[in-house]
């Protein structure tokens, strides 16, 4: 991602002298083609993956982002062959696939097991932000849904995706009325020496905070869960 960038158009991101070679942060995920909500203001982001469909057939793709977003697709694993297939030039609500006709691609034939490079660009000004990419095609993917993680792969050899030591990951229980502390940073493997990991809270009790460095803190009030 590229922080400290004003404007809400994708062109504001791609015109930056720091794009694409000098991002302010790098993230790795093994999630579906959807990113966290309300990450910040005045930033741009690029999300890259390989789509590896398990079923052959004709597919359509959608993008929904806040603020603007673009979806790019390559007919093979080479990013150089990418073309823009869908976009929204103003914000769309979370998973709002039909606000603009440009959010949907035309029909694209895919072959099971073949790798296709995909890239989503997002530019956020202020207020809320999010990005989701969906598809629909032959069964069992006939409904419009976010592309699941098991249909995606990391395109960049030489980069290891950080992973937790357990799934689910368990940490010591909190005691009501007692300050809680802990850390997630020592439970991550597959990191590279040049990487700086940042942690985010996607869900959980309101009292629990997670710092950028993975530190857990908070005070569970009496009567909470």
Protein backbone atom coordinates (compact mmCIF):
# COMPACT_ATOMS: atom_id res chain seq x y z
CA UNK A 1 0.00 0.00 0.00
CA UNK A 2 1.02 3.63 -0.50
CA UNK A 3 0.20 5.96 2.38
CA UNK A 4 0.03 9.73 2.54
CA UNK A 5 -1.66 10.02 -0.84
CA UNK A 6 -4.57 12.46 -1.22
CA UNK A 7 -7.43 11.98 -3.68
CA UNK A 8 -9.92 9.17 -4.28
CA UNK A 9 -9.24 8.22 -7.92
CA UNK A 10 -7.08 5.28 -8.95
CA UNK A 11 -5.20 7.72 -11.17
CA UNK A 12 -4.04 9.49 -7.99
CA UNK A 13 -2.35 6.23 -6.98
CA UNK A 14 -0.77 5.32 -10.31
CA UNK A 15 0.50 8.89 -10.83
CA UNK A 16 2.45 8.78 -7.58
CA UNK A 17 6.26 8.73 -8.06
CA UNK A 18 6.37 5.96 -5.46
CA UNK A 19 4.08 3.66 -7.44
CA UNK A 20 4.70 0.84 -8.01
CA UNK A 21 8.26 0.39 -6.76
CA UNK A 22 8.21 2.01 -3.30
CA UNK A 23 5.19 1.09 -1.20
CA UNK A 24 5.01 2.22 2.41
CA UNK A 25 3.82 -1.22 3.55
CA UNK A 26 3.49 -4.78 2.18
CA UNK A 27 0.88 -7.28 3.24
CA UNK A 28 0.44 -11.00 2.65
CA UNK A 29 -2.78 -12.90 3.19
CA UNK A 30 -4.26 -16.31 2.51
CA UNK A 31 -7.84 -15.02 2.64
CA UNK A 32 -10.57 -14.79 0.03
CA UNK A 33 -10.26 -11.91 -2.48
CA UNK A 34 -11.42 -9.36 0.05
CA UNK A 35 -9.51 -7.04 2.37
CA UNK A 36 -10.07 -5.49 5.77
CA UNK A 37 -12.44 -2.58 6.34
CA UNK A 38 -11.54 0.93 7.45
CA UNK A 39 -7.79 0.54 7.23
CA UNK A 40 -7.16 4.28 7.02
CA UNK A 41 -7.44 7.47 4.98
CA UNK A 42 -5.48 8.92 2.05
CA UNK A 43 -3.85 5.74 0.82
CA UNK A 44 -3.77 3.60 -2.30
CA UNK A 45 -3.33 -0.14 -2.56
CA UNK A 46 -2.59 -2.88 -5.06
CA UNK A 47 -3.70 -6.47 -4.41
CA UNK A 48 -2.16 -9.23 -6.55
CA UNK A 49 -2.89 -12.93 -6.80
CA UNK A 50 -3.12 -15.90 -9.13
CA UNK A 51 -6.56 -17.29 -9.83
CA UNK A 52 -6.49 -21.08 -10.18
CA UNK A 53 -10.08 -22.19 -10.91
CA UNK A 54 -11.06 -25.73 -10.03
CA UNK A 55 -13.88 -25.83 -12.60
CA UNK A 56 -13.68 -24.93 -16.30
CA UNK A 57 -16.29 -22.63 -17.79
CA UNK A 58 -17.32 -19.06 -18.48
CA UNK A 59 -17.03 -16.63 -15.56
CA UNK A 60 -17.90 -13.02 -14.87
CA UNK A 61 -16.13 -10.88 -12.27
CA UNK A 62 -17.20 -7.96 -10.08
CA UNK A 63 -15.37 -5.38 -7.98
CA UNK A 64 -16.78 -3.27 -5.14
CA UNK A 65 -14.51 -0.77 -3.42
CA UNK A 66 -14.43 2.44 -1.40
CA UNK A 67 -13.38 4.74 -2.81
CA UNK A 68 -12.52 3.91 -6.42
CA UNK A 69 -11.21 0.58 -7.67
CA UNK A 70 -10.08 -1.28 -10.78
CA UNK A 71 -9.86 -5.00 -11.52
CA UNK A 72 -7.22 -6.27 -13.96
CA UNK A 73 -6.98 -9.77 -15.45
CA UNK A 74 -4.44 -11.68 -17.52
CA UNK A 75 -5.28 -14.66 -19.71
CA UNK A 76 -2.18 -16.36 -18.27
CA UNK A 77 0.11 -15.97 -15.25
CA UNK A 78 2.06 -13.09 -16.80
CA UNK A 79 1.18 -9.66 -15.33
CA UNK A 80 2.37 -8.00 -18.53
CA UNK A 81 -0.67 -9.43 -20.34
CA UNK A 82 -3.20 -7.91 -17.96
CA UNK A 83 -6.16 -5.79 -19.07
CA UNK A 84 -8.74 -3.89 -17.07
CA UNK A 85 -12.02 -5.81 -16.92
CA UNK A 86 -14.07 -3.94 -14.29
CA UNK A 87 -13.96 -0.75 -12.24
CA UNK A 88 -15.86 1.79 -10.14
CA UNK A 89 -14.86 5.44 -10.26
CA UNK A 90 -16.77 6.37 -7.10
CA UNK A 91 -17.37 4.44 -3.91
CA UNK A 92 -19.63 1.40 -3.78
CA UNK A 93 -20.90 0.00 -0.51
CA UNK A 94 -19.53 -3.24 0.89
CA UNK A 95 -20.23 -6.05 -1.61
CA UNK A 96 -22.51 -3.73 -3.59
CA UNK A 97 -21.89 -5.32 -6.98
CA UNK A 98 -24.49 -3.46 -9.04
CA UNK A 99 -24.11 0.26 -8.26
CA UNK A 100 -22.32 0.82 -11.58
CA UNK A 101 -22.52 -1.30 -14.71
CA UNK A 102 -18.73 -0.97 -15.04
CA UNK A 103 -18.27 -3.06 -11.88
CA UNK A 104 -18.98 -6.27 -13.83
CA UNK A 105 -16.74 -7.81 -16.46
CA UNK A 106 -17.79 -9.49 -19.64
CA UNK A 107 -17.83 -13.30 -19.73
CA UNK A 108 -14.32 -14.84 -19.63
CA UNK A 109 -13.60 -18.53 -20.36
CA UNK A 110 -11.37 -20.22 -17.75
CA UNK A 111 -9.68 -23.62 -17.77
CA UNK A 112 -9.49 -25.62 -14.54
CA UNK A 113 -5.99 -25.73 -13.05
CA UNK A 114 -4.64 -22.96 -15.26
CA UNK A 115 -3.14 -19.92 -13.52
CA UNK A 116 -4.47 -16.43 -14.27
CA UNK A 117 -2.88 -13.28 -12.89
CA UNK A 118 -5.31 -10.86 -11.23
CA UNK A 119 -4.74 -7.43 -9.76
CA UNK A 120 -7.03 -4.98 -7.98
CA UNK A 121 -6.19 -1.31 -7.47
CA UNK A 122 -7.89 0.78 -4.80
CA UNK A 123 -7.69 4.48 -3.91
CA UNK A 124 -9.09 5.77 -0.64
CA UNK A 125 -9.62 9.41 0.24
CA UNK A 126 -11.34 9.76 3.59
CA UNK A 127 -14.05 8.02 5.61
CA UNK A 128 -14.80 4.30 5.20
CA UNK A 129 -12.84 1.98 2.91
CA UNK A 130 -12.96 -1.61 1.68
CA UNK A 131 -12.41 -3.79 -1.41
CA UNK A 132 -13.98 -7.08 -2.52
CA UNK A 133 -13.75 -9.09 -5.74
CA UNK A 134 -16.43 -11.61 -6.71
CA UNK A 135 -17.10 -14.06 -9.50
CA UNK A 136 -19.89 -16.24 -10.87
CA UNK A 137 -19.62 -19.17 -13.25
CA UNK A 138 -20.44 -22.86 -13.46
CA UNK A 139 -21.60 -24.84 -10.41
CA UNK A 140 -20.67 -24.69 -7.56
CA UNK A 141 -19.84 -21.03 -8.28
CA UNK A 142 -23.07 -20.05 -10.01
CA UNK A 143 -23.96 -17.34 -7.45
CA UNK A 144 -22.12 -14.02 -7.25
CA UNK A 145 -19.76 -14.44 -4.30
CA UNK A 146 -16.31 -13.26 -3.22
CA UNK A 147 -13.65 -15.47 -4.82
CA UNK A 148 -12.73 -18.03 -2.13
CA UNK A 149 -9.20 -18.51 -0.86
CA UNK A 150 -8.92 -22.06 -2.17
CA UNK A 151 -9.16 -20.72 -5.73
CA UNK A 152 -6.24 -18.29 -5.25
CA UNK A 153 -2.46 -18.68 -5.02
CA UNK A 154 0.47 -16.44 -4.17
CA UNK A 155 2.10 -15.38 -7.48
CA UNK A 156 5.51 -14.40 -6.18
CA UNK A 157 8.18 -17.06 -5.81
CA UNK A 158 10.68 -16.18 -3.12
CA UNK A 159 8.11 -14.68 -0.78
CA UNK A 160 6.72 -16.82 2.01
CA UNK A 161 3.24 -16.01 3.26
CA UNK A 162 3.42 -15.56 7.04
CA UNK A 163 1.25 -18.03 8.95
CA UNK A 164 0.26 -18.54 12.56
CA UNK A 165 1.49 -21.53 14.54
CA UNK A 166 -2.06 -22.83 14.95
CA UNK A 167 -5.47 -22.68 13.30
CA UNK A 168 -7.34 -21.69 15.31
CA UNK A 169 -4.68 -19.86 17.28
CA UNK A 170 -5.22 -20.02 21.03
CA UNK A 171 -3.90 -17.54 23.59
CA UNK A 172 -4.23 -17.49 27.39
CA UNK A 173 -7.71 -16.72 28.70
CA UNK A 174 -8.53 -13.25 29.98
CA UNK A 175 -9.73 -12.72 33.55
CA UNK A 176 -12.67 -10.39 34.15
CA UNK A 177 -11.61 -7.09 35.67
CA UNK A 178 -7.89 -7.84 35.18
CA UNK A 179 -5.70 -6.08 32.62
CA UNK A 180 -4.80 -8.42 29.77
CA UNK A 181 -1.56 -8.54 27.81
CA UNK A 182 -0.03 -10.91 25.30
CA UNK A 183 1.60 -11.07 21.90
CA UNK A 184 0.96 -12.62 18.49
CA UNK A 185 4.33 -11.77 16.94
CA UNK A 186 6.08 -14.83 18.38
CA UNK A 187 3.42 -17.13 16.91
CA UNK A 188 4.13 -16.32 13.26
CA UNK A 189 6.35 -18.34 10.94
CA UNK A 190 7.44 -18.03 7.31
CA UNK A 191 8.64 -14.43 7.57
CA UNK A 192 11.55 -12.89 5.67
CA UNK A 193 14.25 -10.85 7.38
CA UNK A 194 13.45 -7.73 5.35
CA UNK A 195 9.74 -7.78 6.18
CA UNK A 196 7.96 -5.80 8.87
CA UNK A 197 4.71 -7.45 9.91
CA UNK A 198 1.65 -5.43 10.90
CA UNK A 199 -1.30 -6.93 12.72
CA UNK A 200 -4.97 -5.94 12.49
CA UNK A 201 -8.07 -6.78 14.47
CA UNK A 202 -10.91 -7.90 12.21
CA UNK A 203 -13.32 -9.04 14.93
CA UNK A 204 -13.46 -9.72 18.65
CA UNK A 205 -14.51 -8.19 21.96
CA UNK A 206 -14.60 -4.40 22.12
CA UNK A 207 -12.20 -4.26 25.06
CA UNK A 208 -9.38 -6.09 23.25
CA UNK A 209 -6.84 -4.05 21.29
CA UNK A 210 -4.18 -5.38 18.90
CA UNK A 211 -1.21 -3.16 18.17
CA UNK A 212 0.55 -2.96 14.82
CA UNK A 213 3.31 -5.07 16.38
CA UNK A 214 0.92 -7.83 17.48
CA UNK A 215 0.72 -6.84 21.13
CA UNK A 216 -2.58 -7.70 22.81
CA UNK A 217 -3.97 -5.44 25.54
CA UNK A 218 -7.18 -4.42 27.21
CA UNK A 219 -9.31 -4.65 30.32
CA UNK A 220 -12.27 -7.05 30.17
CA UNK A 221 -14.98 -5.45 32.35
CA UNK A 222 -16.90 -7.55 34.80
CA UNK A 223 -19.84 -9.22 33.10
CA UNK A 224 -18.21 -9.22 29.63
CA UNK A 225 -17.35 -12.25 27.54
